[in-house]
Amino acid sequence: MKFDVFADLQYTANSAGTIILNIHALRTPNQNVVSETFSMQPYIKTEELVSNHGEHRLVRFEVAQPGEIKINYKATVDNAYKLVDLSNVEETPVHLLPAEVLEYLNPSRYCQSDKLFRLANNMFGFIEKPFKKVTTLVDWIYYNVQYLSGSTNSQTSAFDTVTEQAGVCRDFAHLGIALCRALTIPARYFTGYAYKLYPADFHACFEAYIGGEWILF
């Protein structure tokens, strides 16, 4: 299935500095970038950075002086994602997890899985199948945390969200990641172009590593 995505951004730089953008579509075995264009006004030389495991395609550039910067990105992507039946998949012990996913078990600034360990295990630890654990905690977030624009900021963490029980998609994703990690299920943050979202905007989700696959939630 093909999708056309775009981003129009405008920044006002008050001083010289570095800007790093995360707006380029990923190239993965399940997603082919058919075509893409990237432009800036005024023209500034850019550098593309790709993370070790391909989770990010970043663009970095230096702003030499104050002023307006306009950025345009367009892409056509062809997705070939598969549906996987994970209902009977057993939990993978930590000692059998691939090395590259182990970092996604650690607590982080916004996903304090260590602080939510007791909560996660009291509420979801009794569920045997990992896929059922994640779908249950996702449902709990949906029914117990209010989607409330403007209720959070760049300082809000998963611990804050579960305490205040309000947030936006970014906060929902952070909380889902923290709960998964507290249950020893690797999880990572995911940002995408949301289909038919008006007004158009980026959308935050998360992926959990279950049965040898990164599954989108």
Protein backbone atom coordinates (compact mmCIF):
# COMPACT_ATOMS: atom_id res chain seq x y z
CA MET A 1 0.00 0.00 0.00
CA LYS A 2 1.41 3.36 -1.04
CA PHE A 3 1.17 6.58 0.93
CA ASP A 4 2.15 10.15 0.12
CA VAL A 5 3.49 12.02 3.16
CA PHE A 6 4.76 15.55 3.62
CA ALA A 7 6.05 17.98 6.22
CA ASP A 8 6.14 21.77 5.98
CA LEU A 9 8.12 23.34 8.81
CA GLN A 10 9.10 26.91 9.57
CA TYR A 11 11.59 27.95 12.24
CA THR A 12 12.76 31.30 13.53
CA ALA A 13 16.40 31.07 14.63
CA ASN A 14 17.30 33.69 17.22
CA SER A 15 20.99 32.81 17.12
CA ALA A 16 23.47 30.45 15.50
CA GLY A 17 23.10 26.76 16.35
CA THR A 18 22.48 23.19 15.20
CA ILE A 19 19.15 21.73 14.12
CA ILE A 20 18.49 17.98 13.89
CA LEU A 21 15.33 16.85 12.10
CA ASN A 22 13.62 13.46 12.35
CA ILE A 23 11.10 13.72 9.51
CA HIS A 24 12.43 11.34 6.84
CA ALA A 25 10.57 8.08 6.20
CA LEU A 26 12.48 4.96 7.21
CA ARG A 27 13.86 2.48 4.73
CA THR A 28 13.16 -0.99 6.11
CA PRO A 29 12.44 -4.48 4.71
CA ASN A 30 8.74 -3.65 5.10
CA GLN A 31 8.82 -0.06 3.86
CA ASN A 32 10.27 1.11 0.58
CA VAL A 33 10.78 4.83 0.00
CA VAL A 34 9.73 5.09 -3.64
CA SER A 35 10.65 8.76 -3.98
CA GLU A 36 11.37 11.72 -1.73
CA THR A 37 12.41 15.36 -1.87
CA PHE A 38 13.86 17.62 0.80
CA SER A 39 14.40 21.35 0.44
CA MET A 40 15.18 24.40 2.55
CA GLN A 41 14.94 28.14 2.12
CA PRO A 42 17.54 29.55 2.35
CA TYR A 43 19.70 26.68 1.16
CA ILE A 44 21.87 25.16 3.91
CA LYS A 45 24.17 22.18 3.49
CA THR A 46 22.81 19.15 5.38
CA GLU A 47 24.16 15.85 6.64
CA GLU A 48 22.07 12.66 6.85
CA LEU A 49 22.61 10.46 9.91
CA VAL A 50 21.33 6.89 10.17
CA SER A 51 21.35 5.07 13.51
CA ASN A 52 23.15 1.73 13.89
CA HIS A 53 20.01 -0.36 13.58
CA GLY A 54 18.21 1.92 11.14
CA GLU A 55 15.56 3.21 13.55
CA HIS A 56 16.25 6.84 12.65
CA ARG A 57 17.08 8.85 9.53
CA LEU A 58 18.13 12.22 10.86
CA VAL A 59 19.11 15.39 9.04
CA ARG A 60 21.57 17.74 10.72
CA PHE A 61 22.56 21.24 9.68
CA GLU A 62 24.18 24.34 11.10
CA VAL A 63 22.39 27.67 11.32
CA ALA A 64 25.02 30.39 10.94
CA GLN A 65 22.92 33.42 11.78
CA PRO A 66 19.45 34.47 13.03
CA GLY A 67 16.60 34.32 10.54
CA GLU A 68 13.67 32.36 9.09
CA ILE A 69 14.13 28.80 7.85
CA LYS A 70 11.50 27.00 5.75
CA ILE A 71 11.71 23.24 5.30
CA ASN A 72 9.73 20.99 2.98
CA TYR A 73 9.82 17.19 2.85
CA LYS A 74 7.72 14.98 0.58
CA ALA A 75 7.85 11.22 0.09
CA THR A 76 5.97 8.34 -1.45
CA VAL A 77 6.36 5.16 0.57
CA ASP A 78 5.24 1.62 -0.20
CA ASN A 79 4.37 -0.40 2.89
CA ALA A 80 4.28 -4.19 3.00
CA TYR A 81 3.61 -4.84 6.65
CA LYS A 82 2.43 -8.28 7.65
CA LEU A 83 -0.20 -9.45 10.10
CA VAL A 84 1.20 -11.84 12.69
CA ASP A 85 -0.79 -14.11 15.03
CA LEU A 86 0.95 -13.66 18.39
CA SER A 87 -1.83 -14.96 20.62
CA ASN A 88 0.05 -18.15 21.52
CA VAL A 89 3.61 -16.81 21.54
CA GLU A 90 5.44 -17.49 24.80
CA GLU A 91 7.46 -14.88 26.66
CA THR A 92 11.14 -14.76 25.70
CA PRO A 93 13.53 -15.00 28.70
CA VAL A 94 15.99 -12.14 28.92
CA HIS A 95 18.96 -14.44 28.36
CA LEU A 96 17.52 -15.39 24.94
CA LEU A 97 16.77 -11.86 23.73
CA PRO A 98 18.99 -10.55 20.89
CA ALA A 99 21.71 -8.16 22.04
CA GLU A 100 20.33 -5.29 19.94
CA VAL A 101 17.00 -5.21 21.83
CA LEU A 102 18.38 -5.33 25.38
CA GLU A 103 18.77 -1.54 25.58
CA TYR A 104 14.99 -1.26 25.21
CA LEU A 105 14.53 -2.89 28.62
CA ASN A 106 16.27 -0.04 30.44
CA PRO A 107 14.50 2.83 32.19
CA SER A 108 14.97 6.24 30.58
CA ARG A 109 14.27 9.91 31.19
CA TYR A 110 10.67 9.71 29.96
CA CYS A 111 9.99 6.00 30.53
CA GLN A 112 10.84 5.26 34.17
CA SER A 113 10.09 1.56 34.14
CA ASP A 114 11.91 1.17 37.45
CA LYS A 115 9.41 3.48 39.15
CA LEU A 116 6.46 1.64 37.58
CA PHE A 117 7.70 -1.90 38.25
CA ARG A 118 5.32 -2.64 41.12
CA LEU A 119 2.33 -1.07 39.36
CA ALA A 120 2.96 -2.93 36.10
CA ASN A 121 3.44 -6.32 37.72
CA ASN A 122 0.51 -5.96 40.10
CA MET A 123 -1.83 -5.03 37.26
CA PHE A 124 -0.51 -7.09 34.35
CA GLY A 125 2.14 -9.50 35.63
CA PHE A 126 -0.34 -12.35 36.10
CA ILE A 127 -1.11 -12.46 32.36
CA GLU A 128 0.88 -15.31 30.82
CA LYS A 129 1.12 -14.45 27.13
CA PRO A 130 3.22 -11.36 26.27
CA PHE A 131 0.95 -10.17 23.45
CA LYS A 132 -2.05 -10.31 25.78
CA LYS A 133 -0.07 -8.39 28.40
CA VAL A 134 0.65 -5.56 25.99
CA THR A 135 -2.86 -5.35 24.53
CA THR A 136 -4.30 -5.32 28.06
CA LEU A 137 -2.05 -2.50 29.23
CA VAL A 138 -2.76 -0.55 26.03
CA ASP A 139 -6.49 -0.89 26.72
CA TRP A 140 -5.93 0.22 30.33
CA ILE A 141 -4.15 3.37 29.13
CA TYR A 142 -6.96 4.07 26.66
CA TYR A 143 -9.71 3.81 29.27
CA ASN A 144 -7.90 5.39 32.21
CA VAL A 145 -5.75 8.20 30.80
CA GLN A 146 -7.63 11.13 29.30
CA TYR A 147 -6.45 12.54 25.98
CA LEU A 148 -6.14 16.22 26.85
CA SER A 149 -4.29 18.65 24.58
CA GLY A 150 -2.05 21.10 26.39
CA SER A 151 -2.02 19.08 29.62
CA THR A 152 1.65 18.11 29.33
CA ASN A 153 4.95 19.57 28.19
CA SER A 154 8.52 18.59 27.31
CA GLN A 155 9.19 17.71 30.96
CA THR A 156 6.31 15.22 31.33
CA SER A 157 7.32 11.60 31.90
CA ALA A 158 5.46 8.29 32.08
CA PHE A 159 5.41 8.56 35.87
CA ASP A 160 3.76 11.98 35.60
CA THR A 161 1.21 10.67 33.11
CA VAL A 162 0.10 7.74 35.23
CA THR A 163 -0.16 10.08 38.22
CA GLU A 164 -2.12 12.85 36.47
CA GLN A 165 -4.01 10.41 34.20
CA ALA A 166 -3.99 12.88 31.32
CA GLY A 167 -1.78 13.47 28.30
CA VAL A 168 -1.41 13.32 24.52
CA CYS A 169 -0.16 10.60 22.16
CA ARG A 170 3.48 11.17 23.16
CA ASP A 171 2.62 10.61 26.82
CA PHE A 172 0.50 7.54 26.05
CA ALA A 173 3.45 6.05 24.16
CA HIS A 174 5.92 6.81 26.98
CA LEU A 175 3.60 5.16 29.50
CA GLY A 176 3.12 2.08 27.31
CA ILE A 177 6.88 1.74 26.87
CA ALA A 178 7.55 2.10 30.60
CA LEU A 179 4.94 -0.52 31.52
CA CYS A 180 6.26 -2.97 28.91
CA ARG A 181 9.85 -2.57 30.09
CA ALA A 182 8.73 -3.05 33.69
CA LEU A 183 7.25 -6.38 32.53
CA THR A 184 10.56 -7.33 30.82
CA ILE A 185 9.17 -6.76 27.36
CA PRO A 186 11.48 -4.60 25.18
CA ALA A 187 9.68 -1.52 23.89
CA ARG A 188 10.68 1.57 21.92
CA TYR A 189 9.22 4.91 20.83
CA PHE A 190 7.85 5.31 17.32
CA THR A 191 6.84 8.47 15.46
CA GLY A 192 5.00 8.34 12.17
CA TYR A 193 2.85 10.25 9.72
CA ALA A 194 -0.72 9.58 10.81
CA TYR A 195 -3.15 8.63 8.03
CA LYS A 196 -6.19 10.92 7.75
CA LEU A 197 -5.27 12.96 10.83
CA TYR A 198 -6.68 16.48 10.60
CA PRO A 199 -4.99 18.82 11.06
CA ALA A 200 -2.00 16.88 9.74
CA ASP A 201 0.61 16.14 12.37
CA PHE A 202 3.14 13.58 13.49
CA HIS A 203 1.76 10.81 15.70
CA ALA A 204 3.51 8.93 18.52
CA CYS A 205 3.08 5.19 19.06
CA PHE A 206 5.32 2.47 20.44
CA GLU A 207 6.62 -0.92 19.38
CA ALA A 208 7.02 -3.96 21.62
CA TYR A 209 9.37 -6.84 20.85
CA ILE A 210 7.29 -10.02 20.93
CA GLY A 211 8.08 -13.39 19.37
CA GLY A 212 11.08 -12.05 17.51
CA GLU A 213 9.12 -9.20 15.89
CA TRP A 214 8.74 -5.47 16.58
CA ILE A 215 4.97 -5.06 16.87
CA LEU A 216 3.32 -1.64 16.50
CA PHE A 217 0.82 -0.50 19.15
